[in-house]
Amino acid sequence: MSQSRAARQLPPQRPMFVTVTEVRRLAPRMVRITLEGEAVGDFHYAGADHLVRLFLPVDDDLRLPVGADWWAELQAMPENRRPVVRNYTVRGIDHANRRLDVDFALHGDSGPASAWAMRAVPGDRIGVLSDGARYEAGEADWQLLIGDETALPAISSMLEGVRTPVHTLLEVEDEQVVVDLAGEATWLYRSGTPGARTVEALRALPFPPGRPYVWVAGESTLATSVRRYLVNERGIDKEHIYFCGYWRATPALRAAGEARREPAHV
């Protein structure tokens, strides 16, 4: 996962057990899953794009690392008992009721997280681990928010709290992932190389005066091509751009204009 700046420093966290309490379809291929657990009350939420690692069970006996060096402990587990770990975004958190929401873009069984989310029911148990936030507009005069379906949860949260003029471009597979947002957005349906439609739309977009803040995430090629265009052709300072590759399309899938998520947000 490539990114332009590290997460803000947060107090150390350890994996925690949570239980599914609600599953709600937001669109034909977008689902929101509500997770509850006693330890969620101590979850250090830092902002709109706060990442969380999900520990998905491979059988009915979910085991989580318990020490500070959780990654080494995870790798030491037998492979047939080791939880699958994937990064997602916290869509909302309610500390008082020890509840957090995670939104999933569904794409069949091509990834373990999508496969789990398609079948999730109240009572299912997984693990979560806080991984920090990166969104930080600072003193920007205007914002440019760009992503695909995997960035929808973060951008949805950003739009609920943005206080400056903002342009939002969302390049997604099709209308089956389109959801209601707190602000206006331009929806682009992916065709060919990820990011191509977005760069095309950016060429026709007039930018306001003043200092910008750009947040772009999604498929790796989308994130890097947008950043390259903004720096090289629109003269935006690299320091004003956060970019992150949430997943990577294989060359064959990229050429076909299809979407699969490897290795994160799947």
C-alpha atoms as a PDB file:
ATOM      1  CA  MET A   1       0.000   0.000   0.000  1.00  0.00           C
ATOM      2  CA  SER A   2       1.639   3.233  -1.122  1.00  0.00           C
ATOM      3  CA  GLN A   3       0.932   6.474   0.721  1.00  0.00           C
ATOM      4  CA  SER A   4       2.307   9.966   1.040  1.00  0.00           C
ATOM      5  CA  ARG A   5       2.332  10.391   4.818  1.00  0.00           C
ATOM      6  CA  ALA A   6       2.139   8.156   7.858  1.00  0.00           C
ATOM      7  CA  ALA A   7      -0.836   7.776  10.131  1.00  0.00           C
ATOM      8  CA  ARG A   8      -1.074  10.142  13.064  1.00  0.00           C
ATOM      9  CA  GLN A   9       0.457   8.597  16.162  1.00  0.00           C
ATOM     10  CA  LEU A  10      -2.115   6.941  18.444  1.00  0.00           C
ATOM     11  CA  PRO A  11      -1.862   5.054  21.729  1.00  0.00           C
ATOM     12  CA  PRO A  12      -0.924   1.371  21.234  1.00  0.00           C
ATOM     13  CA  GLN A  13      -3.893  -0.835  20.410  1.00  0.00           C
ATOM     14  CA  ARG A  14      -4.341  -4.596  20.432  1.00  0.00           C
ATOM     15  CA  PRO A  15      -6.763  -6.762  18.445  1.00  0.00           C
ATOM     16  CA  MET A  16     -10.229  -6.927  19.991  1.00  0.00           C
ATOM     17  CA  PHE A  17     -13.165  -9.282  19.518  1.00  0.00           C
ATOM     18  CA  VAL A  18     -16.366  -7.823  18.057  1.00  0.00           C
ATOM     19  CA  THR A  19     -19.702  -9.359  17.126  1.00  0.00           C
ATOM     20  CA  VAL A  20     -21.935  -8.604  14.136  1.00  0.00           C
ATOM     21  CA  THR A  21     -25.204  -7.053  15.318  1.00  0.00           C
ATOM     22  CA  GLU A  22     -26.645  -5.679  12.062  1.00  0.00           C
ATOM     23  CA  VAL A  23     -26.179  -6.137   8.310  1.00  0.00           C
ATOM     24  CA  ARG A  24     -27.714  -3.525   6.009  1.00  0.00           C
ATOM     25  CA  ARG A  25     -27.564  -3.146   2.216  1.00  0.00           C
ATOM     26  CA  LEU A  26     -26.767   0.405   1.124  1.00  0.00           C
ATOM     27  CA  ALA A  27     -26.796  -0.494  -2.591  1.00  0.00           C
ATOM     28  CA  PRO A  28     -26.944  -3.788  -4.498  1.00  0.00           C
ATOM     29  CA  ARG A  29     -23.208  -4.302  -3.972  1.00  0.00           C
ATOM     30  CA  MET A  30     -22.519  -2.175  -0.881  1.00  0.00           C
ATOM     31  CA  VAL A  31     -23.233  -3.447   2.607  1.00  0.00           C
ATOM     32  CA  ARG A  32     -22.823  -1.885   6.050  1.00  0.00           C
ATOM     33  CA  ILE A  33     -21.977  -4.224   8.914  1.00  0.00           C
ATOM     34  CA  THR A  34     -22.329  -3.046  12.506  1.00  0.00           C
ATOM     35  CA  LEU A  35     -19.886  -4.580  14.997  1.00  0.00           C
ATOM     36  CA  GLU A  36     -20.132  -4.408  18.775  1.00  0.00           C
ATOM     37  CA  GLY A  37     -17.685  -5.293  21.537  1.00  0.00           C
ATOM     38  CA  GLU A  38     -16.747  -4.162  25.038  1.00  0.00           C
ATOM     39  CA  ALA A  39     -13.311  -2.973  23.916  1.00  0.00           C
ATOM     40  CA  VAL A  40     -14.768  -0.687  21.225  1.00  0.00           C
ATOM     41  CA  GLY A  41     -15.302   1.889  23.965  1.00  0.00           C
ATOM     42  CA  ASP A  42     -11.496   2.275  24.069  1.00  0.00           C
ATOM     43  CA  PHE A  43     -11.011   2.353  20.283  1.00  0.00           C
ATOM     44  CA  HIS A  44      -8.900   5.420  19.436  1.00  0.00           C
ATOM     45  CA  TYR A  45     -10.739   6.891  16.442  1.00  0.00           C
ATOM     46  CA  ALA A  46      -8.717   9.635  14.740  1.00  0.00           C
ATOM     47  CA  GLY A  47     -10.672  10.747  11.682  1.00  0.00           C
ATOM     48  CA  ALA A  48     -12.680  10.185   8.523  1.00  0.00           C
ATOM     49  CA  ASP A  49     -10.340   7.686   6.834  1.00  0.00           C
ATOM     50  CA  HIS A  50      -9.446   5.716   9.963  1.00  0.00           C
ATOM     51  CA  LEU A  51      -8.212   2.300   8.895  1.00  0.00           C
ATOM     52  CA  VAL A  52      -9.010  -0.835  10.835  1.00  0.00           C
ATOM     53  CA  ARG A  53      -7.517  -4.274  10.364  1.00  0.00           C
ATOM     54  CA  LEU A  54     -10.144  -7.002  10.258  1.00  0.00           C
ATOM     55  CA  PHE A  55      -9.259 -10.491  11.496  1.00  0.00           C
ATOM     56  CA  LEU A  56     -11.545 -12.908   9.662  1.00  0.00           C
ATOM     57  CA  PRO A  57     -11.946 -16.476  10.937  1.00  0.00           C
ATOM     58  CA  VAL A  58     -10.942 -19.485   8.850  1.00  0.00           C
ATOM     59  CA  ASP A  59     -13.038 -21.773  11.067  1.00  0.00           C
ATOM     60  CA  ASP A  60     -15.389 -21.493  14.026  1.00  0.00           C
ATOM     61  CA  ASP A  61     -12.538 -21.091  16.534  1.00  0.00           C
ATOM     62  CA  LEU A  62     -11.319 -17.524  16.006  1.00  0.00           C
ATOM     63  CA  ARG A  63      -8.006 -16.815  17.704  1.00  0.00           C
ATOM     64  CA  LEU A  64      -6.514 -13.325  17.972  1.00  0.00           C
ATOM     65  CA  PRO A  65      -2.984 -12.252  18.866  1.00  0.00           C
ATOM     66  CA  VAL A  66      -2.826 -10.957  22.434  1.00  0.00           C
ATOM     67  CA  GLY A  67       0.672  -9.491  22.735  1.00  0.00           C
ATOM     68  CA  ALA A  68       2.136  -6.150  21.680  1.00  0.00           C
ATOM     69  CA  ASP A  69       3.938  -7.781  18.735  1.00  0.00           C
ATOM     70  CA  TRP A  70       0.696  -8.975  17.220  1.00  0.00           C
ATOM     71  CA  TRP A  71       2.059  -9.532  13.710  1.00  0.00           C
ATOM     72  CA  ALA A  72       4.790 -11.961  14.828  1.00  0.00           C
ATOM     73  CA  GLU A  73       2.261 -13.760  16.983  1.00  0.00           C
ATOM     74  CA  LEU A  74      -0.137 -14.012  14.046  1.00  0.00           C
ATOM     75  CA  GLN A  75       2.541 -15.444  11.753  1.00  0.00           C
ATOM     76  CA  ALA A  76       3.443 -18.040  14.382  1.00  0.00           C
ATOM     77  CA  MET A  77      -0.086 -19.467  14.328  1.00  0.00           C
ATOM     78  CA  PRO A  78      -0.671 -22.652  12.277  1.00  0.00           C
ATOM     79  CA  GLU A  79      -1.659 -21.607   8.769  1.00  0.00           C
ATOM     80  CA  ASN A  80      -4.919 -23.547   8.908  1.00  0.00           C
ATOM     81  CA  ARG A  81      -5.949 -21.655  12.077  1.00  0.00           C
ATOM     82  CA  ARG A  82      -4.526 -18.212  11.289  1.00  0.00           C
ATOM     83  CA  PRO A  83      -7.140 -15.464  10.775  1.00  0.00           C
ATOM     84  CA  VAL A  84      -7.145 -13.678   7.425  1.00  0.00           C
ATOM     85  CA  VAL A  85      -6.245  -9.989   7.892  1.00  0.00           C
ATOM     86  CA  ARG A  86      -7.542  -7.212   5.643  1.00  0.00           C
ATOM     87  CA  ASN A  87      -7.620  -3.406   5.941  1.00  0.00           C
ATOM     88  CA  TYR A  88     -10.930  -1.529   5.857  1.00  0.00           C
ATOM     89  CA  THR A  89     -12.224   1.891   6.884  1.00  0.00           C
ATOM     90  CA  VAL A  90     -14.276   2.703   9.959  1.00  0.00           C
ATOM     91  CA  ARG A  91     -17.445   4.282   8.569  1.00  0.00           C
ATOM     92  CA  GLY A  92     -18.770   5.349  11.945  1.00  0.00           C
ATOM     93  CA  ILE A  93     -18.161   4.759  15.648  1.00  0.00           C
ATOM     94  CA  ASP A  94     -20.332   5.040  18.754  1.00  0.00           C
ATOM     95  CA  HIS A  95     -18.063   4.767  21.782  1.00  0.00           C
ATOM     96  CA  ALA A  96     -20.908   5.030  24.292  1.00  0.00           C
ATOM     97  CA  ASN A  97     -22.666   1.978  22.839  1.00  0.00           C
ATOM     98  CA  ARG A  98     -19.377   0.227  21.929  1.00  0.00           C
ATOM     99  CA  ARG A  99     -20.372  -0.036  18.281  1.00  0.00           C
ATOM    100  CA  LEU A 100     -18.605   0.604  14.976  1.00  0.00           C
ATOM    101  CA  ASP A 101     -19.710   0.381  11.337  1.00  0.00           C
ATOM    102  CA  VAL A 102     -17.690  -0.943   8.408  1.00  0.00           C
ATOM    103  CA  ASP A 103     -18.883  -0.663   4.774  1.00  0.00           C
ATOM    104  CA  PHE A 104     -17.961  -3.340   2.231  1.00  0.00           C
ATOM    105  CA  ALA A 105     -17.966  -3.251  -1.566  1.00  0.00           C
ATOM    106  CA  LEU A 106     -19.125  -6.725  -2.595  1.00  0.00           C
ATOM    107  CA  HIS A 107     -17.509  -8.523  -5.509  1.00  0.00           C
ATOM    108  CA  GLY A 108     -18.377 -12.162  -4.978  1.00  0.00           C
ATOM    109  CA  ASP A 109     -15.940 -14.705  -3.573  1.00  0.00           C
ATOM    110  CA  SER A 110     -12.871 -13.247  -5.290  1.00  0.00           C
ATOM    111  CA  GLY A 111     -11.595 -11.908  -1.960  1.00  0.00           C
ATOM    112  CA  PRO A 112     -11.955 -13.237   1.613  1.00  0.00           C
ATOM    113  CA  ALA A 113     -13.464 -10.033   3.050  1.00  0.00           C
ATOM    114  CA  SER A 114     -16.112  -9.771   0.323  1.00  0.00           C
ATOM    115  CA  ALA A 115     -16.894 -13.468   0.728  1.00  0.00           C
ATOM    116  CA  TRP A 116     -17.286 -13.020   4.488  1.00  0.00           C
ATOM    117  CA  ALA A 117     -19.386  -9.862   4.202  1.00  0.00           C
ATOM    118  CA  MET A 118     -21.771 -11.497   1.701  1.00  0.00           C
ATOM    119  CA  ARG A 119     -22.622 -14.163   4.274  1.00  0.00           C
ATOM    120  CA  ALA A 120     -22.328 -12.215   7.536  1.00  0.00           C
ATOM    121  CA  VAL A 121     -25.240 -12.488   9.962  1.00  0.00           C
ATOM    122  CA  PRO A 122     -25.812 -11.185  13.496  1.00  0.00           C
ATOM    123  CA  GLY A 123     -23.839 -13.272  15.955  1.00  0.00           C
ATOM    124  CA  ASP A 124     -20.786 -13.742  13.731  1.00  0.00           C
ATOM    125  CA  ARG A 125     -17.542 -12.814  15.455  1.00  0.00           C
ATOM    126  CA  ILE A 126     -14.356 -11.283  14.031  1.00  0.00           C
ATOM    127  CA  GLY A 127     -11.418  -9.272  15.342  1.00  0.00           C
ATOM    128  CA  VAL A 128     -10.527  -5.611  14.743  1.00  0.00           C
ATOM    129  CA  LEU A 129      -7.401  -3.549  15.319  1.00  0.00           C
ATOM    130  CA  SER A 130      -7.110   0.248  15.025  1.00  0.00           C
ATOM    131  CA  ASP A 131      -4.594   1.363  12.388  1.00  0.00           C
ATOM    132  CA  GLY A 132      -4.865   5.160  12.458  1.00  0.00           C
ATOM    133  CA  ALA A 133      -6.043   7.942  10.141  1.00  0.00           C
ATOM    134  CA  ARG A 134      -4.362  10.021   7.418  1.00  0.00           C
ATOM    135  CA  TYR A 135      -6.930  12.615   6.317  1.00  0.00           C
ATOM    136  CA  GLU A 136      -5.792  16.060   7.430  1.00  0.00           C
ATOM    137  CA  ALA A 137      -6.903  19.045   5.353  1.00  0.00           C
ATOM    138  CA  GLY A 138      -5.335  21.594   7.695  1.00  0.00           C
ATOM    139  CA  GLU A 139      -5.605  25.168   6.415  1.00  0.00           C
ATOM    140  CA  ALA A 140      -6.670  24.249   2.869  1.00  0.00           C
ATOM    141  CA  ASP A 141      -8.938  26.672   1.025  1.00  0.00           C
ATOM    142  CA  TRP A 142     -10.566  23.885  -0.983  1.00  0.00           C
ATOM    143  CA  GLN A 143     -10.450  20.108  -1.243  1.00  0.00           C
ATOM    144  CA  LEU A 144     -10.390  17.476  -3.959  1.00  0.00           C
ATOM    145  CA  LEU A 145     -11.588  14.019  -2.879  1.00  0.00           C
ATOM    146  CA  ILE A 146     -11.059  11.147  -5.308  1.00  0.00           C
ATOM    147  CA  GLY A 147     -11.528   7.401  -5.010  1.00  0.00           C
ATOM    148  CA  ASP A 148     -13.277   4.246  -6.107  1.00  0.00           C
ATOM    149  CA  GLU A 149     -15.712   1.954  -4.292  1.00  0.00           C
ATOM    150  CA  THR A 150     -13.076   0.944  -1.736  1.00  0.00           C
ATOM    151  CA  ALA A 151     -12.613   4.617  -0.800  1.00  0.00           C
ATOM    152  CA  LEU A 152     -16.351   5.318  -0.557  1.00  0.00           C
ATOM    153  CA  PRO A 153     -16.565   4.871   3.246  1.00  0.00           C
ATOM    154  CA  ALA A 154     -13.748   7.343   3.886  1.00  0.00           C
ATOM    155  CA  ILE A 155     -14.993   9.915   1.374  1.00  0.00           C
ATOM    156  CA  SER A 156     -18.559   9.570   2.704  1.00  0.00           C
ATOM    157  CA  SER A 157     -17.286  10.440   6.183  1.00  0.00           C
ATOM    158  CA  MET A 158     -15.197  13.344   4.861  1.00  0.00           C
ATOM    159  CA  LEU A 159     -18.190  14.875   3.106  1.00  0.00           C
ATOM    160  CA  GLU A 160     -20.158  14.811   6.353  1.00  0.00           C
ATOM    161  CA  GLY A 161     -17.589  17.035   8.040  1.00  0.00           C
ATOM    162  CA  VAL A 162     -16.014  19.137   5.284  1.00  0.00           C
ATOM    163  CA  ARG A 163     -16.043  22.908   5.887  1.00  0.00           C
ATOM    164  CA  THR A 164     -14.433  24.156   2.656  1.00  0.00           C
ATOM    165  CA  PRO A 165     -15.464  24.005  -1.024  1.00  0.00           C
ATOM    166  CA  VAL A 166     -14.921  20.461  -2.265  1.00  0.00           C
ATOM    167  CA  HIS A 167     -14.908  18.550  -5.565  1.00  0.00           C
ATOM    168  CA  THR A 168     -15.554  14.811  -5.326  1.00  0.00           C
ATOM    169  CA  LEU A 169     -14.844  12.324  -8.119  1.00  0.00           C
ATOM    170  CA  LEU A 170     -15.755   8.664  -7.677  1.00  0.00           C
ATOM    171  CA  GLU A 171     -14.644   6.139 -10.287  1.00  0.00           C
ATOM    172  CA  VAL A 172     -16.558   2.910  -9.653  1.00  0.00           C
ATOM    173  CA  GLU A 173     -17.398  -0.269 -11.503  1.00  0.00           C
ATOM    174  CA  ASP A 174     -21.098   0.461 -12.075  1.00  0.00           C
ATOM    175  CA  GLU A 175     -24.259   1.949 -10.567  1.00  0.00           C
ATOM    176  CA  GLN A 176     -24.667  -0.988  -8.167  1.00  0.00           C
ATOM    177  CA  VAL A 177     -22.238   0.611  -5.707  1.00  0.00           C
ATOM    178  CA  VAL A 178     -23.675   4.138  -5.876  1.00  0.00           C
ATOM    179  CA  VAL A 179     -24.780   5.315  -2.420  1.00  0.00           C
ATOM    180  CA  ASP A 180     -26.287   8.472  -0.957  1.00  0.00           C
ATOM    181  CA  LEU A 181     -23.692  11.051   0.087  1.00  0.00           C
ATOM    182  CA  ALA A 182     -23.733  14.169   2.260  1.00  0.00           C
ATOM    183  CA  GLY A 183     -22.424  16.260  -0.631  1.00  0.00           C
ATOM    184  CA  GLU A 184     -22.361  16.366  -4.409  1.00  0.00           C
ATOM    185  CA  ALA A 185     -20.116  13.982  -6.328  1.00  0.00           C
ATOM    186  CA  THR A 186     -19.322  13.134  -9.919  1.00  0.00           C
ATOM    187  CA  TRP A 187     -19.769   9.393 -10.474  1.00  0.00           C
ATOM    188  CA  LEU A 188     -17.579   7.910 -13.206  1.00  0.00           C
ATOM    189  CA  TYR A 189     -17.946   4.312 -14.395  1.00  0.00           C
ATOM    190  CA  ARG A 190     -14.603   2.605 -14.778  1.00  0.00           C
ATOM    191  CA  SER A 191     -13.527   1.677 -18.303  1.00  0.00           C
ATOM    192  CA  GLY A 192     -10.106   0.316 -19.239  1.00  0.00           C
ATOM    193  CA  THR A 193      -7.213   1.378 -17.027  1.00  0.00           C
ATOM    194  CA  PRO A 194      -8.284   2.444 -13.509  1.00  0.00           C
ATOM    195  CA  GLY A 195      -7.898   6.187 -13.153  1.00  0.00           C
ATOM    196  CA  ALA A 196      -8.233   6.984 -16.862  1.00  0.00           C
ATOM    197  CA  ARG A 197     -11.791   8.305 -16.527  1.00  0.00           C
ATOM    198  CA  THR A 198     -10.811  10.339 -13.474  1.00  0.00           C
ATOM    199  CA  VAL A 199      -7.835  12.019 -15.136  1.00  0.00           C
ATOM    200  CA  GLU A 200     -10.060  12.806 -18.118  1.00  0.00           C
ATOM    201  CA  ALA A 201     -12.605  14.441 -15.801  1.00  0.00           C
ATOM    202  CA  LEU A 202      -9.865  16.385 -13.995  1.00  0.00           C
ATOM    203  CA  ARG A 203      -8.673  17.898 -17.277  1.00  0.00           C
ATOM    204  CA  ALA A 204     -12.080  19.542 -17.687  1.00  0.00           C
ATOM    205  CA  LEU A 205     -12.375  20.651 -14.051  1.00  0.00           C
ATOM    206  CA  PRO A 206     -11.564  24.289 -13.212  1.00  0.00           C
ATOM    207  CA  PHE A 207      -9.743  24.592  -9.902  1.00  0.00           C
ATOM    208  CA  PRO A 208     -10.596  27.382  -7.442  1.00  0.00           C
ATOM    209  CA  PRO A 209      -7.893  29.777  -6.268  1.00  0.00           C
ATOM    210  CA  GLY A 210      -6.094  29.193  -2.990  1.00  0.00           C
ATOM    211  CA  ARG A 211      -4.353  26.287  -1.312  1.00  0.00           C
ATOM    212  CA  PRO A 212      -5.759  22.833  -2.152  1.00  0.00           C
ATOM    213  CA  TYR A 213      -5.816  19.600  -0.199  1.00  0.00           C
ATOM    214  CA  VAL A 214      -6.118  16.418  -2.254  1.00  0.00           C
ATOM    215  CA  TRP A 215      -7.078  13.001  -0.863  1.00  0.00           C
ATOM    216  CA  VAL A 216      -7.038  10.130  -3.357  1.00  0.00           C
ATOM    217  CA  ALA A 217      -7.275   6.404  -2.674  1.00  0.00           C
ATOM    218  CA  GLY A 218      -8.427   3.227  -4.364  1.00  0.00           C
ATOM    219  CA  GLU A 219      -6.826   1.028  -7.002  1.00  0.00           C
ATOM    220  CA  SER A 220      -3.067   1.644  -7.094  1.00  0.00           C
ATOM    221  CA  THR A 221      -2.980   2.853 -10.703  1.00  0.00           C
ATOM    222  CA  LEU A 222      -5.820   5.295 -10.045  1.00  0.00           C
ATOM    223  CA  ALA A 223      -4.028   6.790  -7.034  1.00  0.00           C
ATOM    224  CA  THR A 224      -0.640   7.148  -8.710  1.00  0.00           C
ATOM    225  CA  SER A 225      -1.935   8.392 -12.079  1.00  0.00           C
ATOM    226  CA  VAL A 226      -4.092  11.061 -10.429  1.00  0.00           C
ATOM    227  CA  ARG A 227      -1.189  12.247  -8.276  1.00  0.00           C
ATOM    228  CA  ARG A 228       1.144  12.341 -11.294  1.00  0.00           C
ATOM    229  CA  TYR A 229      -1.371  14.381 -13.311  1.00  0.00           C
ATOM    230  CA  LEU A 230      -2.031  16.862 -10.507  1.00  0.00           C
ATOM    231  CA  VAL A 231       1.669  17.436  -9.837  1.00  0.00           C
ATOM    232  CA  ASN A 232       2.971  17.454 -13.401  1.00  0.00           C
ATOM    233  CA  GLU A 233       0.113  19.113 -15.282  1.00  0.00           C
ATOM    234  CA  ARG A 234      -1.763  21.173 -12.683  1.00  0.00           C
ATOM    235  CA  GLY A 235       1.216  22.184 -10.552  1.00  0.00           C
ATOM    236  CA  ILE A 236      -0.157  21.068  -7.183  1.00  0.00           C
ATOM    237  CA  ASP A 237       2.529  20.694  -4.524  1.00  0.00           C
ATOM    238  CA  LYS A 238       3.140  17.048  -3.543  1.00  0.00           C
ATOM    239  CA  GLU A 239       2.877  18.077   0.102  1.00  0.00           C
ATOM    240  CA  HIS A 240      -0.783  18.936  -0.460  1.00  0.00           C
ATOM    241  CA  ILE A 241      -1.651  15.476  -1.801  1.00  0.00           C
ATOM    242  CA  TYR A 242      -2.356  12.330   0.184  1.00  0.00           C
ATOM    243  CA  PHE A 243      -2.554   9.211  -1.974  1.00  0.00           C
ATOM    244  CA  CYS A 244      -2.899   5.527  -1.155  1.00  0.00           C
ATOM    245  CA  GLY A 245      -3.289   2.333  -3.170  1.00  0.00           C
ATOM    246  CA  TYR A 246      -5.942   0.244  -1.420  1.00  0.00           C
ATOM    247  CA  TRP A 247      -5.777  -2.588  -3.977  1.00  0.00           C
ATOM    248  CA  ARG A 248      -4.067  -3.546  -7.214  1.00  0.00           C
ATOM    249  CA  ALA A 249      -5.657  -4.887 -10.405  1.00  0.00           C
ATOM    250  CA  THR A 250      -3.782  -7.599 -12.267  1.00  0.00           C
ATOM    251  CA  PRO A 251      -2.641  -6.620 -15.796  1.00  0.00           C
ATOM    252  CA  ALA A 252      -5.255  -8.876 -17.405  1.00  0.00           C
ATOM    253  CA  LEU A 253      -8.078  -7.450 -15.317  1.00  0.00           C
ATOM    254  CA  ARG A 254      -6.853  -3.901 -15.860  1.00  0.00           C
ATOM    255  CA  ALA A 255      -6.840  -4.404 -19.624  1.00  0.00           C
ATOM    256  CA  ALA A 256     -10.357  -5.831 -19.488  1.00  0.00           C
ATOM    257  CA  GLY A 257     -11.598  -2.975 -17.317  1.00  0.00           C
ATOM    258  CA  GLU A 258     -12.660  -5.397 -14.603  1.00  0.00           C
ATOM    259  CA  ALA A 259     -12.198  -4.933 -10.858  1.00  0.00           C
ATOM    260  CA  ARG A 260     -10.729  -7.289  -8.289  1.00  0.00           C
ATOM    261  CA  ARG A 261      -9.049  -6.262  -5.066  1.00  0.00           C
ATOM    262  CA  GLU A 262      -5.606  -7.588  -4.193  1.00  0.00           C
ATOM    263  CA  PRO A 263      -4.441  -7.553  -1.466  1.00  0.00           C
ATOM    264  CA  ALA A 264      -6.232  -4.969   0.726  1.00  0.00           C
ATOM    265  CA  HIS A 265      -9.918  -4.053   1.056  1.00  0.00           C
ATOM    266  CA  VAL A 266     -10.982  -7.490  -0.152  1.00  0.00           C
END
